[in-house]
Amino acid sequence: MKKNLFLITILLLLQCCKSPEKNGSLTIQTVNGEIEPDALGVALIHEHVLVDFIGADSTGFHRWDKEEVVSFLIPYIKEIQDRGVKTIMECTPSYLGKDPELLRLLSEKTGMQILTNVGYYGAISGKYLPEHAYQESAEQLSKRWIREAQYGIADSGIKPGFIKISVNEGSVLSGLDAKLVKAAGLTHLETGLLIVAHTGTWQTARAQMDILQSLNVPLENFVWVHAQNEKDFENYLRANKEGVWISLDGVVWDLKGHLDRLVFMKEQVGLDRVLISHDAGWYEPGLEEQKNFKGFTSIFDELIPLLYENGFTKKDLDLLLIENPKRAFSIGRQ
């Protein structure tokens, strides 16, 4: 009897310490609240509506007029709604132009479902990191992010739908980048939010994965962002075996490169862990004219016709644009 009670106690403790599982009751968190995963529809998993490159020490909501930005963006949103898009994951992180209230306003005016994020951008030598990111521990940073996931970002009341971090490329991460990855892992363990990490090559993905595994974070909760920068296609096989999401999210910048990688994925790897998007946009505060803005239509107008020519089916495209985003961004209700 005592032995049975001991075993039951151990099992309960293990259950409590597990990363939140993606089973049972699932939800997706948008800037306008929770939606059912099946309501996600066609999704672009890595886009930007506004990015402010001035730096963490100078950026802020005073740098742009929300109504003006939304008016500028509406035609671009309508373009992709006409092509069937229902949801955008907006990947601009804090201190680089993230504005949850602007995103909510854009969503309300267009009907587009939008997800925002929590986390910090460590690449570009820390230009977009707040001062406290240098001073605080991973545990302290994660407490900030967990609080925003639970109660809303700043005083907006808007909750993030995923974690967005960024690291500099390299086989060995700097202490600061490693701290951001650890903070993301700790935040995931508490909230179940997907970790979307601006990465680049496989060696940098592997360095992040090692940290997450040391925290017992299942790698199915990690997105290898900008995986299109990897030149050795065999590393896509390795990533797939590890269970990570392989994100090819620069279609608007390199159509041919994405086509080649997707054909390889279909033939050699499988598409069940692959995500695609444009990494497009964006409104830049401080510019009188927004001539650099790139729309979000290249996947539909340019890539998809080429994919059909190369043996892809509607089922394949539904997997890339509907089913995979739904599986990746769904979280268990707490």
C-alpha atoms as a PDB file:
ATOM      1  CA  MET A   1       0.000   0.000   0.000  1.00  0.00           C
ATOM      2  CA  LYS A   2       2.771   2.434   0.999  1.00  0.00           C
ATOM      3  CA  LYS A   3       4.661   1.549  -2.181  1.00  0.00           C
ATOM      4  CA  ASN A   4       1.582   2.356  -4.300  1.00  0.00           C
ATOM      5  CA  LEU A   5       1.108   5.698  -2.556  1.00  0.00           C
ATOM      6  CA  PHE A   6       4.778   6.517  -3.131  1.00  0.00           C
ATOM      7  CA  LEU A   7       4.482   5.752  -6.860  1.00  0.00           C
ATOM      8  CA  ILE A   8       1.321   7.842  -7.173  1.00  0.00           C
ATOM      9  CA  THR A   9       3.051  10.767  -5.456  1.00  0.00           C
ATOM     10  CA  ILE A  10       6.021  10.566  -7.838  1.00  0.00           C
ATOM     11  CA  LEU A  11       3.734  10.483 -10.873  1.00  0.00           C
ATOM     12  CA  LEU A  12       1.835  13.546  -9.667  1.00  0.00           C
ATOM     13  CA  LEU A  13       5.069  15.457  -9.088  1.00  0.00           C
ATOM     14  CA  LEU A  14       6.314  14.596 -12.566  1.00  0.00           C
ATOM     15  CA  GLN A  15       3.027  15.745 -14.074  1.00  0.00           C
ATOM     16  CA  CYS A  16       3.250  19.080 -12.285  1.00  0.00           C
ATOM     17  CA  CYS A  17       6.772  19.715 -13.570  1.00  0.00           C
ATOM     18  CA  LYS A  18       6.059  18.948 -17.210  1.00  0.00           C
ATOM     19  CA  SER A  19       5.987  21.587 -19.927  1.00  0.00           C
ATOM     20  CA  PRO A  20       2.340  22.407 -20.755  1.00  0.00           C
ATOM     21  CA  GLU A  21       1.104  19.742 -23.165  1.00  0.00           C
ATOM     22  CA  LYS A  22      -0.665  20.526 -26.430  1.00  0.00           C
ATOM     23  CA  ASN A  23      -3.567  18.229 -25.783  1.00  0.00           C
ATOM     24  CA  GLY A  24      -7.033  18.508 -24.315  1.00  0.00           C
ATOM     25  CA  SER A  25      -8.500  22.012 -24.513  1.00  0.00           C
ATOM     26  CA  LEU A  26      -6.469  24.250 -26.838  1.00  0.00           C
ATOM     27  CA  THR A  27      -6.610  27.921 -27.725  1.00  0.00           C
ATOM     28  CA  ILE A  28      -4.793  30.548 -29.761  1.00  0.00           C
ATOM     29  CA  GLN A  29      -4.261  33.985 -28.228  1.00  0.00           C
ATOM     30  CA  THR A  30      -4.899  36.976 -30.513  1.00  0.00           C
ATOM     31  CA  VAL A  31      -4.779  40.689 -29.687  1.00  0.00           C
ATOM     32  CA  ASN A  32      -8.569  40.562 -29.429  1.00  0.00           C
ATOM     33  CA  GLY A  33      -8.672  37.534 -27.149  1.00  0.00           C
ATOM     34  CA  GLU A  34      -8.707  33.761 -27.478  1.00  0.00           C
ATOM     35  CA  ILE A  35      -9.917  31.912 -30.548  1.00  0.00           C
ATOM     36  CA  GLU A  36     -10.406  28.228 -31.217  1.00  0.00           C
ATOM     37  CA  PRO A  37      -7.526  26.719 -33.229  1.00  0.00           C
ATOM     38  CA  ASP A  38      -9.873  25.792 -36.076  1.00  0.00           C
ATOM     39  CA  ALA A  39     -10.718  29.493 -36.447  1.00  0.00           C
ATOM     40  CA  LEU A  40      -7.117  30.352 -37.349  1.00  0.00           C
ATOM     41  CA  GLY A  41      -7.533  29.705 -41.079  1.00  0.00           C
ATOM     42  CA  VAL A  42      -4.807  30.588 -43.567  1.00  0.00           C
ATOM     43  CA  ALA A  43      -2.009  32.150 -41.508  1.00  0.00           C
ATOM     44  CA  LEU A  44       1.177  34.075 -42.255  1.00  0.00           C
ATOM     45  CA  ILE A  45       3.418  33.193 -39.340  1.00  0.00           C
ATOM     46  CA  HIS A  46       6.151  35.842 -39.652  1.00  0.00           C
ATOM     47  CA  GLU A  47       5.219  39.348 -40.774  1.00  0.00           C
ATOM     48  CA  HIS A  48       5.686  42.944 -39.584  1.00  0.00           C
ATOM     49  CA  VAL A  49       3.367  45.939 -39.762  1.00  0.00           C
ATOM     50  CA  LEU A  50       5.681  48.491 -38.105  1.00  0.00           C
ATOM     51  CA  VAL A  51       9.386  48.361 -37.230  1.00  0.00           C
ATOM     52  CA  ASP A  52      11.308  51.199 -35.569  1.00  0.00           C
ATOM     53  CA  PHE A  53      15.084  50.932 -36.112  1.00  0.00           C
ATOM     54  CA  ILE A  54      16.058  53.914 -33.986  1.00  0.00           C
ATOM     55  CA  GLY A  55      17.133  51.773 -31.013  1.00  0.00           C
ATOM     56  CA  ALA A  56      15.814  50.710 -27.615  1.00  0.00           C
ATOM     57  CA  ASP A  57      16.933  53.915 -25.908  1.00  0.00           C
ATOM     58  CA  SER A  58      14.893  56.163 -28.224  1.00  0.00           C
ATOM     59  CA  THR A  59      11.889  54.219 -29.503  1.00  0.00           C
ATOM     60  CA  GLY A  60       8.400  54.577 -28.073  1.00  0.00           C
ATOM     61  CA  PHE A  61       4.780  55.114 -29.026  1.00  0.00           C
ATOM     62  CA  HIS A  62       5.492  58.847 -29.406  1.00  0.00           C
ATOM     63  CA  ARG A  63       7.333  57.965 -32.624  1.00  0.00           C
ATOM     64  CA  TRP A  64       4.170  57.212 -34.639  1.00  0.00           C
ATOM     65  CA  ASP A  65       0.485  58.028 -34.914  1.00  0.00           C
ATOM     66  CA  LYS A  66      -1.585  54.862 -34.563  1.00  0.00           C
ATOM     67  CA  GLU A  67      -4.477  56.041 -36.722  1.00  0.00           C
ATOM     68  CA  GLU A  68      -2.127  57.172 -39.481  1.00  0.00           C
ATOM     69  CA  VAL A  69      -0.249  53.870 -39.485  1.00  0.00           C
ATOM     70  CA  VAL A  70      -3.452  51.819 -39.515  1.00  0.00           C
ATOM     71  CA  SER A  71      -4.843  53.844 -42.428  1.00  0.00           C
ATOM     72  CA  PHE A  72      -1.638  53.174 -44.339  1.00  0.00           C
ATOM     73  CA  LEU A  73      -1.755  49.430 -43.596  1.00  0.00           C
ATOM     74  CA  ILE A  74      -5.412  48.711 -44.360  1.00  0.00           C
ATOM     75  CA  PRO A  75      -4.981  48.311 -48.156  1.00  0.00           C
ATOM     76  CA  TYR A  76      -2.171  45.790 -47.629  1.00  0.00           C
ATOM     77  CA  ILE A  77      -4.310  43.801 -45.210  1.00  0.00           C
ATOM     78  CA  LYS A  78      -7.241  43.852 -47.609  1.00  0.00           C
ATOM     79  CA  GLU A  79      -4.967  42.463 -50.355  1.00  0.00           C
ATOM     80  CA  ILE A  80      -4.232  39.306 -48.426  1.00  0.00           C
ATOM     81  CA  GLN A  81      -7.780  38.965 -47.117  1.00  0.00           C
ATOM     82  CA  ASP A  82      -8.810  38.797 -50.783  1.00  0.00           C
ATOM     83  CA  ARG A  83      -6.381  35.877 -51.076  1.00  0.00           C
ATOM     84  CA  GLY A  84      -7.925  34.041 -48.135  1.00  0.00           C
ATOM     85  CA  VAL A  85      -5.615  35.002 -45.260  1.00  0.00           C
ATOM     86  CA  LYS A  86      -7.356  35.031 -41.870  1.00  0.00           C
ATOM     87  CA  THR A  87      -4.458  35.495 -39.427  1.00  0.00           C
ATOM     88  CA  ILE A  88      -1.085  37.235 -39.150  1.00  0.00           C
ATOM     89  CA  MET A  89       1.565  36.520 -36.527  1.00  0.00           C
ATOM     90  CA  GLU A  90       3.208  39.939 -36.055  1.00  0.00           C
ATOM     91  CA  CYS A  91       6.826  39.259 -35.100  1.00  0.00           C
ATOM     92  CA  THR A  92       8.090  42.717 -34.150  1.00  0.00           C
ATOM     93  CA  PRO A  93       9.430  42.414 -30.579  1.00  0.00           C
ATOM     94  CA  SER A  94       9.504  44.916 -27.732  1.00  0.00           C
ATOM     95  CA  TYR A  95      11.787  47.943 -28.150  1.00  0.00           C
ATOM     96  CA  LEU A  96      11.777  47.490 -31.937  1.00  0.00           C
ATOM     97  CA  GLY A  97       8.339  48.932 -32.627  1.00  0.00           C
ATOM     98  CA  LYS A  98       5.892  46.440 -31.124  1.00  0.00           C
ATOM     99  CA  ASP A  99       2.600  48.204 -30.450  1.00  0.00           C
ATOM    100  CA  PRO A 100      -0.146  45.870 -29.226  1.00  0.00           C
ATOM    101  CA  GLU A 101      -2.808  48.603 -29.204  1.00  0.00           C
ATOM    102  CA  LEU A 102      -2.014  49.510 -32.819  1.00  0.00           C
ATOM    103  CA  LEU A 103      -2.383  45.829 -33.727  1.00  0.00           C
ATOM    104  CA  ARG A 104      -5.727  45.615 -31.944  1.00  0.00           C
ATOM    105  CA  LEU A 105      -6.939  48.734 -33.764  1.00  0.00           C
ATOM    106  CA  LEU A 106      -5.813  47.275 -37.103  1.00  0.00           C
ATOM    107  CA  SER A 107      -7.576  44.009 -36.298  1.00  0.00           C
ATOM    108  CA  GLU A 108     -10.798  45.786 -35.345  1.00  0.00           C
ATOM    109  CA  LYS A 109     -10.817  47.901 -38.520  1.00  0.00           C
ATOM    110  CA  THR A 110     -10.063  45.017 -40.916  1.00  0.00           C
ATOM    111  CA  GLY A 111     -11.269  41.832 -39.241  1.00  0.00           C
ATOM    112  CA  MET A 112      -7.798  40.293 -39.593  1.00  0.00           C
ATOM    113  CA  GLN A 113      -6.825  38.096 -36.650  1.00  0.00           C
ATOM    114  CA  ILE A 114      -3.422  39.195 -35.331  1.00  0.00           C
ATOM    115  CA  LEU A 115      -1.067  37.650 -32.774  1.00  0.00           C
ATOM    116  CA  THR A 116       1.578  39.653 -30.951  1.00  0.00           C
ATOM    117  CA  ASN A 117       4.444  38.453 -28.811  1.00  0.00           C
ATOM    118  CA  VAL A 118       6.528  38.744 -25.674  1.00  0.00           C
ATOM    119  CA  GLY A 119      10.336  38.665 -25.588  1.00  0.00           C
ATOM    120  CA  TYR A 120      13.425  40.658 -26.626  1.00  0.00           C
ATOM    121  CA  TYR A 121      15.592  41.019 -29.743  1.00  0.00           C
ATOM    122  CA  GLY A 122      19.254  40.321 -29.020  1.00  0.00           C
ATOM    123  CA  ALA A 123      20.754  40.443 -32.539  1.00  0.00           C
ATOM    124  CA  ILE A 124      22.462  43.509 -34.044  1.00  0.00           C
ATOM    125  CA  SER A 125      24.805  43.755 -31.034  1.00  0.00           C
ATOM    126  CA  GLY A 126      21.985  44.376 -28.587  1.00  0.00           C
ATOM    127  CA  LYS A 127      20.834  47.658 -30.167  1.00  0.00           C
ATOM    128  CA  TYR A 128      17.216  46.766 -29.443  1.00  0.00           C
ATOM    129  CA  LEU A 129      17.624  45.561 -25.870  1.00  0.00           C
ATOM    130  CA  PRO A 130      16.485  47.631 -22.881  1.00  0.00           C
ATOM    131  CA  GLU A 131      19.029  48.348 -20.168  1.00  0.00           C
ATOM    132  CA  HIS A 132      17.432  45.926 -17.719  1.00  0.00           C
ATOM    133  CA  ALA A 133      18.068  43.034 -20.169  1.00  0.00           C
ATOM    134  CA  TYR A 134      21.780  43.396 -19.421  1.00  0.00           C
ATOM    135  CA  GLN A 135      21.322  43.627 -15.680  1.00  0.00           C
ATOM    136  CA  GLU A 136      18.665  41.037 -14.928  1.00  0.00           C
ATOM    137  CA  SER A 137      19.019  37.256 -14.837  1.00  0.00           C
ATOM    138  CA  ALA A 138      17.152  34.881 -17.133  1.00  0.00           C
ATOM    139  CA  GLU A 139      14.835  34.116 -14.232  1.00  0.00           C
ATOM    140  CA  GLN A 140      14.064  37.799 -13.718  1.00  0.00           C
ATOM    141  CA  LEU A 141      13.426  38.393 -17.416  1.00  0.00           C
ATOM    142  CA  SER A 142      11.157  35.379 -17.599  1.00  0.00           C
ATOM    143  CA  LYS A 143       9.106  36.723 -14.690  1.00  0.00           C
ATOM    144  CA  ARG A 144       8.492  39.899 -16.700  1.00  0.00           C
ATOM    145  CA  TRP A 145       7.397  37.900 -19.731  1.00  0.00           C
ATOM    146  CA  ILE A 146       5.249  35.494 -17.743  1.00  0.00           C
ATOM    147  CA  ARG A 147       3.480  38.416 -16.102  1.00  0.00           C
ATOM    148  CA  GLU A 148       2.690  39.898 -19.519  1.00  0.00           C
ATOM    149  CA  ALA A 149       1.452  36.529 -20.763  1.00  0.00           C
ATOM    150  CA  GLN A 150      -0.862  36.244 -17.773  1.00  0.00           C
ATOM    151  CA  TYR A 151      -2.072  39.835 -17.388  1.00  0.00           C
ATOM    152  CA  GLY A 152      -1.294  41.638 -20.639  1.00  0.00           C
ATOM    153  CA  ILE A 153       1.523  43.654 -22.184  1.00  0.00           C
ATOM    154  CA  ALA A 154       2.274  46.865 -20.250  1.00  0.00           C
ATOM    155  CA  ASP A 155      -1.102  48.409 -19.401  1.00  0.00           C
ATOM    156  CA  SER A 156      -2.836  47.354 -22.634  1.00  0.00           C
ATOM    157  CA  GLY A 157      -4.455  44.202 -21.271  1.00  0.00           C
ATOM    158  CA  ILE A 158      -3.469  42.535 -24.563  1.00  0.00           C
ATOM    159  CA  LYS A 159      -1.868  39.122 -24.109  1.00  0.00           C
ATOM    160  CA  PRO A 160       0.878  37.688 -26.343  1.00  0.00           C
ATOM    161  CA  GLY A 161       0.266  34.644 -28.519  1.00  0.00           C
ATOM    162  CA  PHE A 162       3.910  33.520 -28.638  1.00  0.00           C
ATOM    163  CA  ILE A 163       7.449  34.296 -27.464  1.00  0.00           C
ATOM    164  CA  LYS A 164       9.753  36.148 -29.894  1.00  0.00           C
ATOM    165  CA  ILE A 165      13.481  36.346 -29.248  1.00  0.00           C
ATOM    166  CA  SER A 166      16.522  37.007 -31.399  1.00  0.00           C
ATOM    167  CA  VAL A 167      20.162  35.960 -31.118  1.00  0.00           C
ATOM    168  CA  ASN A 168      23.345  36.691 -33.033  1.00  0.00           C
ATOM    169  CA  GLU A 169      24.603  33.938 -35.331  1.00  0.00           C
ATOM    170  CA  GLY A 170      27.340  31.606 -34.128  1.00  0.00           C
ATOM    171  CA  SER A 171      27.963  28.069 -32.930  1.00  0.00           C
ATOM    172  CA  VAL A 172      28.477  29.414 -29.403  1.00  0.00           C
ATOM    173  CA  LEU A 173      26.009  31.969 -28.060  1.00  0.00           C
ATOM    174  CA  SER A 174      27.138  35.020 -26.146  1.00  0.00           C
ATOM    175  CA  GLY A 175      26.227  35.123 -22.481  1.00  0.00           C
ATOM    176  CA  LEU A 176      23.522  37.672 -23.235  1.00  0.00           C
ATOM    177  CA  ASP A 177      21.980  35.643 -26.063  1.00  0.00           C
ATOM    178  CA  ALA A 178      22.100  32.465 -23.962  1.00  0.00           C
ATOM    179  CA  LYS A 179      20.276  34.360 -21.218  1.00  0.00           C
ATOM    180  CA  LEU A 180      17.490  35.352 -23.618  1.00  0.00           C
ATOM    181  CA  VAL A 181      17.081  31.746 -24.753  1.00  0.00           C
ATOM    182  CA  LYS A 182      16.945  30.529 -21.170  1.00  0.00           C
ATOM    183  CA  ALA A 183      14.389  33.213 -20.285  1.00  0.00           C
ATOM    184  CA  ALA A 184      12.278  32.103 -23.250  1.00  0.00           C
ATOM    185  CA  GLY A 185      12.502  28.477 -22.128  1.00  0.00           C
ATOM    186  CA  LEU A 186      11.435  29.343 -18.589  1.00  0.00           C
ATOM    187  CA  THR A 187       8.565  31.427 -19.936  1.00  0.00           C
ATOM    188  CA  HIS A 188       7.410  28.558 -22.130  1.00  0.00           C
ATOM    189  CA  LEU A 189       7.455  26.119 -19.227  1.00  0.00           C
ATOM    190  CA  GLU A 190       5.132  28.406 -17.285  1.00  0.00           C
ATOM    191  CA  THR A 191       2.833  29.580 -20.089  1.00  0.00           C
ATOM    192  CA  GLY A 192       2.999  27.015 -22.904  1.00  0.00           C
ATOM    193  CA  LEU A 193       3.722  29.757 -25.455  1.00  0.00           C
ATOM    194  CA  LEU A 194       5.656  28.785 -28.578  1.00  0.00           C
ATOM    195  CA  ILE A 195       9.289  30.013 -28.761  1.00  0.00           C
ATOM    196  CA  VAL A 196       9.904  31.786 -32.070  1.00  0.00           C
ATOM    197  CA  ALA A 197      13.636  32.542 -32.303  1.00  0.00           C
ATOM    198  CA  HIS A 198      15.304  34.729 -34.951  1.00  0.00           C
ATOM    199  CA  THR A 199      18.218  32.428 -35.697  1.00  0.00           C
ATOM    200  CA  GLY A 200      19.675  31.886 -39.163  1.00  0.00           C
ATOM    201  CA  THR A 201      21.965  28.909 -39.630  1.00  0.00           C
ATOM    202  CA  TRP A 202      21.739  25.423 -38.138  1.00  0.00           C
ATOM    203  CA  GLN A 203      24.711  25.875 -35.823  1.00  0.00           C
ATOM    204  CA  THR A 204      22.916  28.757 -34.071  1.00  0.00           C
ATOM    205  CA  ALA A 205      19.687  26.768 -33.897  1.00  0.00           C
ATOM    206  CA  ARG A 206      21.603  23.848 -32.372  1.00  0.00           C
ATOM    207  CA  ALA A 207      23.138  26.110 -29.708  1.00  0.00           C
ATOM    208  CA  GLN A 208      19.672  27.328 -28.694  1.00  0.00           C
ATOM    209  CA  MET A 209      18.235  23.830 -28.742  1.00  0.00           C
ATOM    210  CA  ASP A 210      20.924  22.648 -26.314  1.00  0.00           C
ATOM    211  CA  ILE A 211      19.890  25.311 -23.801  1.00  0.00           C
ATOM    212  CA  LEU A 212      16.209  24.477 -24.164  1.00  0.00           C
ATOM    213  CA  GLN A 213      16.879  20.765 -23.739  1.00  0.00           C
ATOM    214  CA  SER A 214      18.832  21.499 -20.539  1.00  0.00           C
ATOM    215  CA  LEU A 215      15.599  23.065 -19.230  1.00  0.00           C
ATOM    216  CA  ASN A 216      13.516  20.062 -20.373  1.00  0.00           C
ATOM    217  CA  VAL A 217      11.670  22.152 -22.956  1.00  0.00           C
ATOM    218  CA  PRO A 218      10.341  19.817 -25.678  1.00  0.00           C
ATOM    219  CA  LEU A 219      11.862  20.957 -28.981  1.00  0.00           C
ATOM    220  CA  GLU A 220       8.476  20.803 -30.693  1.00  0.00           C
ATOM    221  CA  ASN A 221       7.949  24.178 -28.999  1.00  0.00           C
ATOM    222  CA  PHE A 222      10.911  25.838 -30.770  1.00  0.00           C
ATOM    223  CA  VAL A 223      10.750  27.593 -34.151  1.00  0.00           C
ATOM    224  CA  TRP A 224      14.026  27.856 -36.084  1.00  0.00           C
ATOM    225  CA  VAL A 225      13.401  31.271 -37.679  1.00  0.00           C
ATOM    226  CA  HIS A 226      15.177  32.238 -40.926  1.00  0.00           C
ATOM    227  CA  ALA A 227      16.093  28.629 -41.590  1.00  0.00           C
ATOM    228  CA  GLN A 228      16.283  29.675 -45.250  1.00  0.00           C
ATOM    229  CA  ASN A 229      19.765  31.010 -44.404  1.00  0.00           C
ATOM    230  CA  GLU A 230      21.046  27.432 -43.967  1.00  0.00           C
ATOM    231  CA  LYS A 231      23.010  26.265 -47.010  1.00  0.00           C
ATOM    232  CA  ASP A 232      23.437  22.594 -46.038  1.00  0.00           C
ATOM    233  CA  PHE A 233      20.018  21.101 -46.723  1.00  0.00           C
ATOM    234  CA  GLU A 234      20.934  17.951 -44.787  1.00  0.00           C
ATOM    235  CA  ASN A 235      20.575  19.995 -41.599  1.00  0.00           C
ATOM    236  CA  TYR A 236      16.861  20.256 -42.322  1.00  0.00           C
ATOM    237  CA  LEU A 237      16.717  16.477 -41.902  1.00  0.00           C
ATOM    238  CA  ARG A 238      18.481  16.788 -38.543  1.00  0.00           C
ATOM    239  CA  ALA A 239      16.108  19.520 -37.392  1.00  0.00           C
ATOM    240  CA  ASN A 240      13.063  17.523 -38.422  1.00  0.00           C
ATOM    241  CA  LYS A 241      14.286  14.491 -36.459  1.00  0.00           C
ATOM    242  CA  GLU A 242      14.693  16.712 -33.392  1.00  0.00           C
ATOM    243  CA  GLY A 243      11.087  17.859 -33.768  1.00  0.00           C
ATOM    244  CA  VAL A 244      11.706  21.589 -34.217  1.00  0.00           C
ATOM    245  CA  TRP A 245       9.689  23.818 -36.526  1.00  0.00           C
ATOM    246  CA  ILE A 246      11.653  24.820 -39.646  1.00  0.00           C
ATOM    247  CA  SER A 247      10.566  28.328 -40.607  1.00  0.00           C
ATOM    248  CA  LEU A 248      11.271  29.569 -44.142  1.00  0.00           C
ATOM    249  CA  ASP A 249      10.065  33.106 -43.674  1.00  0.00           C
ATOM    250  CA  GLY A 250      11.686  35.336 -46.260  1.00  0.00           C
ATOM    251  CA  VAL A 251       9.712  34.506 -49.397  1.00  0.00           C
ATOM    252  CA  VAL A 252       9.433  38.148 -50.445  1.00  0.00           C
ATOM    253  CA  TRP A 253      13.230  38.470 -50.363  1.00  0.00           C
ATOM    254  CA  ASP A 254      14.246  35.219 -52.123  1.00  0.00           C
ATOM    255  CA  LEU A 255      11.599  33.371 -54.083  1.00  0.00           C
ATOM    256  CA  LYS A 256      13.964  30.891 -55.781  1.00  0.00           C
ATOM    257  CA  GLY A 257      15.742  29.942 -52.549  1.00  0.00           C
ATOM    258  CA  HIS A 258      12.458  29.185 -50.825  1.00  0.00           C
ATOM    259  CA  LEU A 259      11.197  27.150 -53.767  1.00  0.00           C
ATOM    260  CA  ASP A 260      14.364  25.030 -53.761  1.00  0.00           C
ATOM    261  CA  ARG A 261      14.122  24.389 -50.035  1.00  0.00           C
ATOM    262  CA  LEU A 262      10.438  23.526 -50.117  1.00  0.00           C
ATOM    263  CA  VAL A 263      10.955  21.047 -52.956  1.00  0.00           C
ATOM    264  CA  PHE A 264      13.747  19.430 -50.913  1.00  0.00           C
ATOM    265  CA  MET A 265      11.499  19.343 -47.840  1.00  0.00           C
ATOM    266  CA  LYS A 266       8.673  17.661 -49.729  1.00  0.00           C
ATOM    267  CA  GLU A 267      10.955  15.074 -51.326  1.00  0.00           C
ATOM    268  CA  GLN A 268      13.451  14.373 -48.529  1.00  0.00           C
ATOM    269  CA  VAL A 269      12.134  15.620 -45.181  1.00  0.00           C
ATOM    270  CA  GLY A 270       8.377  15.971 -45.194  1.00  0.00           C
ATOM    271  CA  LEU A 271       6.299  19.094 -44.697  1.00  0.00           C
ATOM    272  CA  ASP A 272       4.805  18.325 -41.298  1.00  0.00           C
ATOM    273  CA  ARG A 273       7.255  20.584 -39.379  1.00  0.00           C
ATOM    274  CA  VAL A 274       7.631  23.371 -41.969  1.00  0.00           C
ATOM    275  CA  LEU A 275       6.300  26.935 -41.762  1.00  0.00           C
ATOM    276  CA  ILE A 276       6.417  29.651 -44.446  1.00  0.00           C
ATOM    277  CA  SER A 277       5.941  33.402 -44.496  1.00  0.00           C
ATOM    278  CA  HIS A 278       7.260  36.617 -46.069  1.00  0.00           C
ATOM    279  CA  ASP A 279       9.010  38.537 -43.262  1.00  0.00           C
ATOM    280  CA  ALA A 280       7.479  41.488 -45.079  1.00  0.00           C
ATOM    281  CA  GLY A 281       6.122  44.962 -44.361  1.00  0.00           C
ATOM    282  CA  TRP A 282       6.843  47.402 -42.768  1.00  0.00           C
ATOM    283  CA  TYR A 283       5.926  50.956 -41.811  1.00  0.00           C
ATOM    284  CA  GLU A 284       9.062  52.817 -40.654  1.00  0.00           C
ATOM    285  CA  PRO A 285       8.560  55.753 -38.264  1.00  0.00           C
ATOM    286  CA  GLY A 286      10.507  58.835 -39.211  1.00  0.00           C
ATOM    287  CA  LEU A 287      10.273  58.345 -42.976  1.00  0.00           C
ATOM    288  CA  GLU A 288       8.193  60.858 -44.920  1.00  0.00           C
ATOM    289  CA  GLU A 289       7.392  58.270 -47.575  1.00  0.00           C
ATOM    290  CA  GLN A 290       7.030  54.531 -47.055  1.00  0.00           C
ATOM    291  CA  LYS A 291       8.551  53.490 -50.388  1.00  0.00           C
ATOM    292  CA  ASN A 292      10.300  50.454 -48.886  1.00  0.00           C
ATOM    293  CA  PHE A 293       7.103  48.759 -47.733  1.00  0.00           C
ATOM    294  CA  LYS A 294       6.692  45.259 -49.188  1.00  0.00           C
ATOM    295  CA  GLY A 295       3.269  43.659 -49.222  1.00  0.00           C
ATOM    296  CA  PHE A 296       2.317  40.173 -48.082  1.00  0.00           C
ATOM    297  CA  THR A 297       1.178  38.612 -51.371  1.00  0.00           C
ATOM    298  CA  SER A 298       4.257  36.905 -52.858  1.00  0.00           C
ATOM    299  CA  ILE A 299       3.365  33.467 -51.464  1.00  0.00           C
ATOM    300  CA  PHE A 300       0.009  33.533 -53.231  1.00  0.00           C
ATOM    301  CA  ASP A 301       0.917  35.348 -56.442  1.00  0.00           C
ATOM    302  CA  GLU A 302       4.403  33.946 -57.093  1.00  0.00           C
ATOM    303  CA  LEU A 303       5.363  30.988 -54.890  1.00  0.00           C
ATOM    304  CA  ILE A 304       2.198  28.881 -54.983  1.00  0.00           C
ATOM    305  CA  PRO A 305       2.017  28.708 -58.818  1.00  0.00           C
ATOM    306  CA  LEU A 306       5.641  27.487 -58.827  1.00  0.00           C
ATOM    307  CA  LEU A 307       4.889  24.930 -56.116  1.00  0.00           C
ATOM    308  CA  TYR A 308       2.025  23.501 -58.174  1.00  0.00           C
ATOM    309  CA  GLU A 309       4.394  23.242 -61.145  1.00  0.00           C
ATOM    310  CA  ASN A 310       6.747  21.228 -58.926  1.00  0.00           C
ATOM    311  CA  GLY A 311       4.250  18.608 -57.787  1.00  0.00           C
ATOM    312  CA  PHE A 312       2.749  20.241 -54.715  1.00  0.00           C
ATOM    313  CA  THR A 313      -0.933  19.667 -54.018  1.00  0.00           C
ATOM    314  CA  LYS A 314      -3.630  21.686 -52.281  1.00  0.00           C
ATOM    315  CA  LYS A 315      -3.230  19.318 -49.342  1.00  0.00           C
ATOM    316  CA  ASP A 316       0.454  20.276 -49.128  1.00  0.00           C
ATOM    317  CA  LEU A 317      -0.391  23.978 -49.176  1.00  0.00           C
ATOM    318  CA  ASP A 318      -3.106  23.569 -46.553  1.00  0.00           C
ATOM    319  CA  LEU A 319      -0.522  21.836 -44.372  1.00  0.00           C
ATOM    320  CA  LEU A 320       1.947  24.723 -44.753  1.00  0.00           C
ATOM    321  CA  LEU A 321      -0.517  27.584 -44.361  1.00  0.00           C
ATOM    322  CA  ILE A 322      -3.300  26.213 -42.128  1.00  0.00           C
ATOM    323  CA  GLU A 323      -2.561  22.962 -40.310  1.00  0.00           C
ATOM    324  CA  ASN A 324       1.065  23.578 -39.310  1.00  0.00           C
ATOM    325  CA  PRO A 325       0.447  27.124 -37.973  1.00  0.00           C
ATOM    326  CA  LYS A 326      -2.546  25.810 -36.046  1.00  0.00           C
ATOM    327  CA  ARG A 327      -0.497  23.056 -34.413  1.00  0.00           C
ATOM    328  CA  ALA A 328       2.478  25.302 -33.707  1.00  0.00           C
ATOM    329  CA  PHE A 329       0.675  28.252 -32.109  1.00  0.00           C
ATOM    330  CA  SER A 330      -2.011  26.392 -30.140  1.00  0.00           C
ATOM    331  CA  ILE A 331      -1.569  26.436 -26.379  1.00  0.00           C
ATOM    332  CA  GLY A 332      -3.309  24.578 -23.579  1.00  0.00           C
ATOM    333  CA  ARG A 333      -5.774  26.576 -21.522  1.00  0.00           C
ATOM    334  CA  GLN A 334      -4.308  27.222 -18.084  1.00  0.00           C
END
